[in-house]
PDB file of N, CA and C in Angstrom:
ATOM      1  N   MET A   1      -7.779 -12.393   6.078  1.00  0.00           N
ATOM      2  CA  MET A   1      -6.649 -12.673   4.899  1.00  0.00           C
ATOM      3  C   MET A   1      -5.763 -12.110   5.032  1.00  0.00           C
ATOM      4  N   HIS A   2      -4.431 -12.768   4.952  1.00  0.00           N
ATOM      5  CA  HIS A   2      -2.994 -12.597   5.300  1.00  0.00           C
ATOM      6  C   HIS A   2      -2.564 -12.021   3.833  1.00  0.00           C
ATOM      7  N   LEU A   3      -1.790 -10.992   4.353  1.00  0.00           N
ATOM      8  CA  LEU A   3      -1.287 -10.160   3.085  1.00  0.00           C
ATOM      9  C   LEU A   3       0.136  -9.705   3.376  1.00  0.00           C
ATOM     10  N   THR A   4       1.084  -9.822   2.384  1.00  0.00           N
ATOM     11  CA  THR A   4       2.506  -9.268   2.948  1.00  0.00           C
ATOM     12  C   THR A   4       2.294  -7.939   1.968  1.00  0.00           C
ATOM     13  N   ILE A   5       2.902  -6.541   2.489  1.00  0.00           N
ATOM     14  CA  ILE A   5       2.770  -5.418   1.650  1.00  0.00           C
ATOM     15  C   ILE A   5       4.152  -5.050   1.761  1.00  0.00           C
ATOM     16  N   LEU A   6       4.399  -4.559   0.629  1.00  0.00           N
ATOM     17  CA  LEU A   6       6.181  -4.283   0.480  1.00  0.00           C
ATOM     18  C   LEU A   6       5.953  -2.436  -0.208  1.00  0.00           C
ATOM     19  N   TYR A   7       6.884  -1.589   0.685  1.00  0.00           N
ATOM     20  CA  TYR A   7       6.861  -0.463   0.781  1.00  0.00           C
ATOM     21  C   TYR A   7       8.477   0.104  -0.228  1.00  0.00           C
ATOM     22  N   PHE A   8       8.272   1.020  -0.988  1.00  0.00           N
ATOM     23  CA  PHE A   8       9.259   1.360  -1.308  1.00  0.00           C
ATOM     24  C   PHE A   8       9.655   2.865  -1.216  1.00  0.00           C
ATOM     25  N   ALA A   9      10.563   3.303  -2.148  1.00  0.00           N
ATOM     26  CA  ALA A   9      11.564   4.640  -1.969  1.00  0.00           C
ATOM     27  C   ALA A   9      10.919   5.425  -0.957  1.00  0.00           C
ATOM     28  N   TRP A  10      10.378   6.475  -0.893  1.00  0.00           N
ATOM     29  CA  TRP A  10       9.921   7.405   0.495  1.00  0.00           C
ATOM     30  C   TRP A  10       9.082   7.130   1.476  1.00  0.00           C
ATOM     31  N   VAL A  11       8.104   5.851   0.596  1.00  0.00           N
ATOM     32  CA  VAL A  11       7.105   5.526   1.386  1.00  0.00           C
ATOM     33  C   VAL A  11       7.496   4.478   2.425  1.00  0.00           C
ATOM     34  N   ARG A  12       8.587   3.807   1.965  1.00  0.00           N
ATOM     35  CA  ARG A  12       9.390   2.875   3.074  1.00  0.00           C
ATOM     36  C   ARG A  12      10.132   3.633   4.173  1.00  0.00           C
ATOM     37  N   GLU A  13      10.859   4.958   3.716  1.00  0.00           N
ATOM     38  CA  GLU A  13      11.304   6.003   4.527  1.00  0.00           C
ATOM     39  C   GLU A  13      10.212   6.082   5.776  1.00  0.00           C
ATOM     40  N   ARG A  14       9.340   6.947   5.146  1.00  0.00           N
ATOM     41  CA  ARG A  14       8.528   7.077   6.130  1.00  0.00           C
ATOM     42  C   ARG A  14       7.597   6.276   7.221  1.00  0.00           C
ATOM     43  N   ILE A  15       7.701   4.905   6.559  1.00  0.00           N
ATOM     44  CA  ILE A  15       6.607   4.155   7.448  1.00  0.00           C
ATOM     45  C   ILE A  15       7.923   3.535   8.528  1.00  0.00           C
ATOM     46  N   GLY A  16       9.203   3.274   7.562  1.00  0.00           N
ATOM     47  CA  GLY A  16      10.308   2.602   8.468  1.00  0.00           C
ATOM     48  C   GLY A  16      10.518   1.388   8.314  1.00  0.00           C
ATOM     49  N   GLN A  17       9.924   0.554   7.517  1.00  0.00           N
ATOM     50  CA  GLN A  17      10.218  -0.514   7.121  1.00  0.00           C
ATOM     51  C   GLN A  17       9.952  -1.069   5.616  1.00  0.00           C
ATOM     52  N   SER A  18      10.589  -2.201   4.725  1.00  0.00           N
ATOM     53  CA  SER A  18      10.228  -2.209   3.623  1.00  0.00           C
ATOM     54  C   SER A  18       9.261  -3.310   3.285  1.00  0.00           C
ATOM     55  N   GLU A  19       8.855  -3.798   4.605  1.00  0.00           N
ATOM     56  CA  GLU A  19       7.829  -4.784   4.041  1.00  0.00           C
ATOM     57  C   GLU A  19       7.244  -5.471   5.884  1.00  0.00           C
ATOM     58  N   GLU A  20       5.903  -5.985   5.588  1.00  0.00           N
ATOM     59  CA  GLU A  20       5.264  -6.137   6.680  1.00  0.00           C
ATOM     60  C   GLU A  20       4.099  -7.234   6.295  1.00  0.00           C
ATOM     61  N   ALA A  21       3.943  -8.423   7.070  1.00  0.00           N
ATOM     62  CA  ALA A  21       2.507  -9.211   7.028  1.00  0.00           C
ATOM     63  C   ALA A  21       1.549  -8.490   7.780  1.00  0.00           C
ATOM     64  N   VAL A  22       0.450  -8.747   6.965  1.00  0.00           N
ATOM     65  CA  VAL A  22      -0.698  -7.992   8.045  1.00  0.00           C
ATOM     66  C   VAL A  22      -2.308  -9.028   7.900  1.00  0.00           C
ATOM     67  N   THR A  23      -2.766  -8.711   8.630  1.00  0.00           N
ATOM     68  CA  THR A  23      -4.296  -9.428   8.589  1.00  0.00           C
ATOM     69  C   THR A  23      -5.036  -8.371   8.168  1.00  0.00           C
ATOM     70  N   LEU A  24      -5.636  -8.567   7.014  1.00  0.00           N
ATOM     71  CA  LEU A  24      -7.065  -7.266   6.949  1.00  0.00           C
ATOM     72  C   LEU A  24      -7.889  -7.697   7.351  1.00  0.00           C
ATOM     73  N   PRO A  25      -8.604  -6.537   8.067  1.00  0.00           N
ATOM     74  CA  PRO A  25      -9.616  -6.458   8.813  1.00  0.00           C
ATOM     75  C   PRO A  25     -10.767  -6.447   7.663  1.00  0.00           C
ATOM     76  N   GLU A  26     -12.104  -6.842   8.077  1.00  0.00           N
ATOM     77  CA  GLU A  26     -13.132  -7.095   7.072  1.00  0.00           C
ATOM     78  C   GLU A  26     -13.418  -5.263   6.833  1.00  0.00           C
ATOM     79  N   GLY A  27     -14.141  -5.395   5.124  1.00  0.00           N
ATOM     80  CA  GLY A  27     -13.972  -4.177   4.803  1.00  0.00           C
ATOM     81  C   GLY A  27     -13.087  -3.689   4.044  1.00  0.00           C
ATOM     82  N   VAL A  28     -11.838  -4.221   4.110  1.00  0.00           N
ATOM     83  CA  VAL A  28     -10.321  -3.823   3.087  1.00  0.00           C
ATOM     84  C   VAL A  28     -10.747  -4.585   1.745  1.00  0.00           C
ATOM     85  N   ARG A  29     -11.303  -4.094   0.995  1.00  0.00           N
ATOM     86  CA  ARG A  29     -11.287  -4.879  -0.043  1.00  0.00           C
ATOM     87  C   ARG A  29     -10.737  -4.179  -1.382  1.00  0.00           C
ATOM     88  N   THR A  30     -10.432  -2.905  -1.411  1.00  0.00           N
ATOM     89  CA  THR A  30      -9.699  -2.338  -2.549  1.00  0.00           C
ATOM     90  C   THR A  30      -8.339  -1.712  -2.347  1.00  0.00           C
ATOM     91  N   MET A  31      -7.645  -1.197  -2.955  1.00  0.00           N
ATOM     92  CA  MET A  31      -6.246  -0.833  -2.899  1.00  0.00           C
ATOM     93  C   MET A  31      -6.435   0.405  -1.814  1.00  0.00           C
ATOM     94  N   ALA A  32      -7.375   1.583  -2.354  1.00  0.00           N
ATOM     95  CA  ALA A  32      -7.717   2.666  -1.801  1.00  0.00           C
ATOM     96  C   ALA A  32      -8.258   2.317  -0.167  1.00  0.00           C
ATOM     97  N   ASP A  33      -9.069   1.348   0.232  1.00  0.00           N
ATOM     98  CA  ASP A  33      -9.374   0.728   1.275  1.00  0.00           C
ATOM     99  C   ASP A  33      -8.228   0.291   2.159  1.00  0.00           C
ATOM    100  N   LEU A  34      -7.269  -0.313   1.711  1.00  0.00           N
ATOM    101  CA  LEU A  34      -6.007  -0.647   2.259  1.00  0.00           C
ATOM    102  C   LEU A  34      -5.392   0.357   2.724  1.00  0.00           C
ATOM    103  N   ILE A  35      -5.387   1.584   1.458  1.00  0.00           N
ATOM    104  CA  ILE A  35      -4.154   2.675   2.105  1.00  0.00           C
ATOM    105  C   ILE A  35      -4.701   3.758   3.230  1.00  0.00           C
ATOM    106  N   GLY A  36      -5.994   3.537   3.060  1.00  0.00           N
ATOM    107  CA  GLY A  36      -7.089   4.072   4.428  1.00  0.00           C
ATOM    108  C   GLY A  36      -6.517   3.307   5.767  1.00  0.00           C
ATOM    109  N   TRP A  37      -6.908   2.503   5.603  1.00  0.00           N
ATOM    110  CA  TRP A  37      -6.751   1.795   7.039  1.00  0.00           C
ATOM    111  C   TRP A  37      -5.253   1.633   7.420  1.00  0.00           C
ATOM    112  N   LEU A  38      -4.241   1.456   6.521  1.00  0.00           N
ATOM    113  CA  LEU A  38      -3.103   1.725   7.116  1.00  0.00           C
ATOM    114  C   LEU A  38      -2.542   2.973   7.321  1.00  0.00           C
ATOM    115  N   ALA A  39      -3.127   4.225   6.809  1.00  0.00           N
ATOM    116  CA  ALA A  39      -2.806   5.509   7.212  1.00  0.00           C
ATOM    117  C   ALA A  39      -3.388   5.804   8.620  1.00  0.00           C
ATOM    118  N   GLY A  40      -4.530   4.850   8.984  1.00  0.00           N
ATOM    119  CA  GLY A  40      -5.275   5.279  10.162  1.00  0.00           C
ATOM    120  C   GLY A  40      -4.302   4.655  11.385  1.00  0.00           C
ATOM    121  N   ARG A  41      -3.180   4.035  11.141  1.00  0.00           N
ATOM    122  CA  ARG A  41      -2.337   3.470  12.039  1.00  0.00           C
ATOM    123  C   ARG A  41      -1.576   4.615  12.461  1.00  0.00           C
ATOM    124  N   GLY A  42      -1.927   5.805  11.577  1.00  0.00           N
ATOM    125  CA  GLY A  42      -0.924   6.893  12.511  1.00  0.00           C
ATOM    126  C   GLY A  42       0.535   7.341  12.008  1.00  0.00           C
ATOM    127  N   GLY A  43       1.490   7.838  12.632  1.00  0.00           N
ATOM    128  CA  GLY A  43       2.566   7.868  12.763  1.00  0.00           C
ATOM    129  C   GLY A  43       3.154   7.988  11.626  1.00  0.00           C
ATOM    130  N   GLY A  44       4.115   7.081  10.787  1.00  0.00           N
ATOM    131  CA  GLY A  44       4.896   7.253   9.344  1.00  0.00           C
ATOM    132  C   GLY A  44       3.685   6.591   8.548  1.00  0.00           C
ATOM    133  N   TYR A  45       2.562   5.951   9.025  1.00  0.00           N
ATOM    134  CA  TYR A  45       1.855   5.635   7.857  1.00  0.00           C
ATOM    135  C   TYR A  45       1.219   6.454   7.367  1.00  0.00           C
ATOM    136  N   ALA A  46       0.698   7.632   8.502  1.00  0.00           N
ATOM    137  CA  ALA A  46      -0.341   8.876   8.039  1.00  0.00           C
ATOM    138  C   ALA A  46       0.251   9.617   7.260  1.00  0.00           C
ATOM    139  N   GLU A  47       1.995   9.972   7.501  1.00  0.00           N
ATOM    140  CA  GLU A  47       2.612  10.642   6.341  1.00  0.00           C
ATOM    141  C   GLU A  47       2.809  10.323   5.681  1.00  0.00           C
ATOM    142  N   ALA A  48       3.083   9.186   5.264  1.00  0.00           N
ATOM    143  CA  ALA A  48       3.529   8.117   3.823  1.00  0.00           C
ATOM    144  C   ALA A  48       2.246   8.234   2.967  1.00  0.00           C
ATOM    145  N   LEU A  49       0.733   8.057   3.604  1.00  0.00           N
ATOM    146  CA  LEU A  49       0.065   7.736   2.891  1.00  0.00           C
ATOM    147  C   LEU A  49      -1.450   9.007   3.148  1.00  0.00           C
ATOM    148  N   ALA A  50      -0.965  10.206   3.303  1.00  0.00           N
ATOM    149  CA  ALA A  50      -1.533  10.952   3.337  1.00  0.00           C
ATOM    150  C   ALA A  50      -2.388  11.590   1.651  1.00  0.00           C
ATOM    151  N   GLU A  51      -1.254  11.184   1.211  1.00  0.00           N
ATOM    152  CA  GLU A  51      -2.078  11.826  -0.228  1.00  0.00           C
ATOM    153  C   GLU A  51      -1.812  10.604  -1.275  1.00  0.00           C
ATOM    154  N   PRO A  52      -3.128   9.754  -1.194  1.00  0.00           N
ATOM    155  CA  PRO A  52      -2.972   8.740  -2.068  1.00  0.00           C
ATOM    156  C   PRO A  52      -2.850   8.747  -3.450  1.00  0.00           C
ATOM    157  N   GLU A  53      -3.485   9.887  -3.939  1.00  0.00           N
ATOM    158  CA  GLU A  53      -3.275   9.962  -5.449  1.00  0.00           C
ATOM    159  C   GLU A  53      -2.220  10.243  -5.814  1.00  0.00           C
ATOM    160  N   ARG A  54      -0.909  10.624  -4.966  1.00  0.00           N
ATOM    161  CA  ARG A  54       0.431  10.354  -5.427  1.00  0.00           C
ATOM    162  C   ARG A  54       0.978   9.081  -5.383  1.00  0.00           C
ATOM    163  N   LEU A  55       0.384   7.900  -5.121  1.00  0.00           N
ATOM    164  CA  LEU A  55       0.893   6.616  -4.928  1.00  0.00           C
ATOM    165  C   LEU A  55       0.528   5.646  -6.204  1.00  0.00           C
ATOM    166  N   ARG A  56       1.300   4.672  -6.189  1.00  0.00           N
ATOM    167  CA  ARG A  56       0.925   3.949  -7.545  1.00  0.00           C
ATOM    168  C   ARG A  56       1.155   2.624  -6.798  1.00  0.00           C
ATOM    169  N   ALA A  57       0.264   1.407  -7.135  1.00  0.00           N
ATOM    170  CA  ALA A  57       0.489   0.212  -6.295  1.00  0.00           C
ATOM    171  C   ALA A  57       0.443  -1.442  -7.094  1.00  0.00           C
ATOM    172  N   ALA A  58       0.765  -2.178  -7.034  1.00  0.00           N
ATOM    173  CA  ALA A  58       0.633  -3.422  -7.895  1.00  0.00           C
ATOM    174  C   ALA A  58      -0.034  -4.501  -6.704  1.00  0.00           C
ATOM    175  N   VAL A  59      -0.293  -5.276  -7.504  1.00  0.00           N
ATOM    176  CA  VAL A  59      -1.225  -6.570  -6.939  1.00  0.00           C
ATOM    177  C   VAL A  59      -0.882  -7.509  -7.189  1.00  0.00           C
ATOM    178  N   ASP A  60      -0.058  -8.340  -6.288  1.00  0.00           N
ATOM    179  CA  ASP A  60       0.901  -9.729  -7.205  1.00  0.00           C
ATOM    180  C   ASP A  60       1.581  -9.305  -8.185  1.00  0.00           C
ATOM    181  N   GLN A  61       2.609  -8.232  -8.156  1.00  0.00           N
ATOM    182  CA  GLN A  61       3.445  -7.641  -9.006  1.00  0.00           C
ATOM    183  C   GLN A  61       2.757  -7.265 -10.542  1.00  0.00           C
ATOM    184  N   ASN A  62       1.420  -6.813 -10.499  1.00  0.00           N
ATOM    185  CA  ASN A  62       0.383  -6.233 -11.761  1.00  0.00           C
ATOM    186  C   ASN A  62       0.232  -4.823 -11.377  1.00  0.00           C
ATOM    187  N   PHE A  63       0.650  -4.027 -12.056  1.00  0.00           N
ATOM    188  CA  PHE A  63       0.314  -2.474 -11.446  1.00  0.00           C
ATOM    189  C   PHE A  63      -1.356  -2.500 -11.407  1.00  0.00           C
ATOM    190  N   VAL A  64      -2.016  -1.629 -10.834  1.00  0.00           N
ATOM    191  CA  VAL A  64      -3.190  -1.691 -10.866  1.00  0.00           C
ATOM    192  C   VAL A  64      -3.356   0.049 -10.206  1.00  0.00           C
ATOM    193  N   GLY A  65      -4.937  -0.065 -10.205  1.00  0.00           N
ATOM    194  CA  GLY A  65      -4.890   1.641 -10.282  1.00  0.00           C
ATOM    195  C   GLY A  65      -5.976   1.532  -8.261  1.00  0.00           C
ATOM    196  N   LEU A  66      -5.708   2.599  -7.809  1.00  0.00           N
ATOM    197  CA  LEU A  66      -6.368   2.820  -6.403  1.00  0.00           C
ATOM    198  C   LEU A  66      -7.857   1.982  -6.026  1.00  0.00           C
ATOM    199  N   ASP A  67      -8.415   1.729  -7.161  1.00  0.00           N
ATOM    200  CA  ASP A  67      -9.941   1.199  -7.064  1.00  0.00           C
ATOM    201  C   ASP A  67      -9.753  -0.002  -7.444  1.00  0.00           C
ATOM    202  N   ALA A  68      -8.340  -0.998  -7.473  1.00  0.00           N
ATOM    203  CA  ALA A  68      -8.764  -2.036  -7.790  1.00  0.00           C
ATOM    204  C   ALA A  68      -8.716  -2.889  -6.812  1.00  0.00           C
ATOM    205  N   MET A  69      -9.333  -4.078  -7.022  1.00  0.00           N
ATOM    206  CA  MET A  69      -9.374  -5.231  -6.037  1.00  0.00           C
ATOM    207  C   MET A  69      -8.802  -5.953  -5.202  1.00  0.00           C
ATOM    208  N   ILE A  70      -8.556  -6.019  -4.198  1.00  0.00           N
ATOM    209  CA  ILE A  70      -7.284  -7.184  -3.666  1.00  0.00           C
ATOM    210  C   ILE A  70      -7.355  -8.270  -3.710  1.00  0.00           C
ATOM    211  N   GLY A  71      -9.063  -8.790  -3.938  1.00  0.00           N
ATOM    212  CA  GLY A  71      -9.169 -10.112  -3.854  1.00  0.00           C
ATOM    213  C   GLY A  71      -8.562 -10.988  -3.010  1.00  0.00           C
ATOM    214  N   HIS A  72      -7.866 -12.287  -3.631  1.00  0.00           N
ATOM    215  CA  HIS A  72      -7.108 -13.083  -2.847  1.00  0.00           C
ATOM    216  C   HIS A  72      -5.416 -13.064  -3.160  1.00  0.00           C
ATOM    217  N   ALA A  73      -5.363 -11.702  -3.044  1.00  0.00           N
ATOM    218  CA  ALA A  73      -3.683 -11.555  -3.500  1.00  0.00           C
ATOM    219  C   ALA A  73      -2.923 -11.973  -2.156  1.00  0.00           C
ATOM    220  N   ARG A  74      -1.665 -12.276  -2.649  1.00  0.00           N
ATOM    221  CA  ARG A  74      -0.922 -12.647  -1.511  1.00  0.00           C
ATOM    222  C   ARG A  74       0.212 -11.629  -1.226  1.00  0.00           C
ATOM    223  N   GLU A  75       0.267 -10.654  -2.140  1.00  0.00           N
ATOM    224  CA  GLU A  75       1.347  -9.589  -2.060  1.00  0.00           C
ATOM    225  C   GLU A  75       0.617  -8.029  -2.757  1.00  0.00           C
ATOM    226  N   VAL A  76       1.110  -6.846  -1.986  1.00  0.00           N
ATOM    227  CA  VAL A  76       0.604  -5.407  -2.279  1.00  0.00           C
ATOM    228  C   VAL A  76       2.423  -5.050  -2.496  1.00  0.00           C
ATOM    229  N   ALA A  77       2.441  -4.045  -3.468  1.00  0.00           N
ATOM    230  CA  ALA A  77       3.323  -2.698  -3.369  1.00  0.00           C
ATOM    231  C   ALA A  77       2.622  -1.248  -3.290  1.00  0.00           C
ATOM    232  N   ILE A  78       3.148  -0.618  -2.632  1.00  0.00           N
ATOM    233  CA  ILE A  78       2.740   0.362  -2.487  1.00  0.00           C
ATOM    234  C   ILE A  78       4.309   1.525  -2.650  1.00  0.00           C
ATOM    235  N   PHE A  79       4.133   2.242  -3.695  1.00  0.00           N
ATOM    236  CA  PHE A  79       5.084   2.891  -4.252  1.00  0.00           C
ATOM    237  C   PHE A  79       5.158   4.500  -4.735  1.00  0.00           C
ATOM    238  N   PRO A  80       6.042   5.279  -4.563  1.00  0.00           N
ATOM    239  CA  PRO A  80       5.749   6.547  -5.275  1.00  0.00           C
ATOM    240  C   PRO A  80       5.715   6.804  -6.836  1.00  0.00           C
ATOM    241  N   PRO A  81       5.090   7.468  -7.792  1.00  0.00           N
ATOM    242  CA  PRO A  81       5.579   7.370  -9.154  1.00  0.00           C
ATOM    243  C   PRO A  81       7.040   7.264  -9.863  1.00  0.00           C
ATOM    244  N   VAL A  82       7.154   6.556 -10.621  1.00  0.00           N
ATOM    245  CA  VAL A  82       8.609   6.309 -10.938  1.00  0.00           C
ATOM    246  C   VAL A  82       9.069   7.000 -12.415  1.00  0.00           C
ATOM    247  N   THR A  83       9.954   7.620 -11.832  1.00  0.00           N
ATOM    248  CA  THR A  83      10.451   8.650 -13.406  1.00  0.00           C
ATOM    249  C   THR A  83      11.836   7.762 -13.765  1.00  0.00           C
ATOM    250  N   GLY A  84      11.921   8.218 -14.880  1.00  0.00           N
ATOM    251  CA  GLY A  84      13.295   7.682 -15.528  1.00  0.00           C
ATOM    252  C   GLY A  84      13.863   8.850 -16.284  1.00  0.00           C
ATOM    253  N   GLY A  85      14.962   8.299 -16.992  1.00  0.00           N
ATOM    254  CA  GLY A  85      15.849   9.295 -17.732  1.00  0.00           C
ATOM    255  C   GLY A  85      16.528   8.906 -18.702  1.00  0.00           C
TER     256      GLY A  85
END
């Protein structure tokens, strides 16, 4: 399955890019699976995704938990918690 992944804020800075298109391997079904697979790439991915509990995600622009199924999504976003004032 082909998927566009968007990275924001310090996640983007550590990975070194704002988006990429990937083909998911078999077995990557949830956001947690995806984050684990990406972290396994090493380098900036491992650094940015080392603490998944600190991350937030969206699937096709809908906020989801890390246990959410990716399904047939076209786009996934990974970002740190958003705060405002």
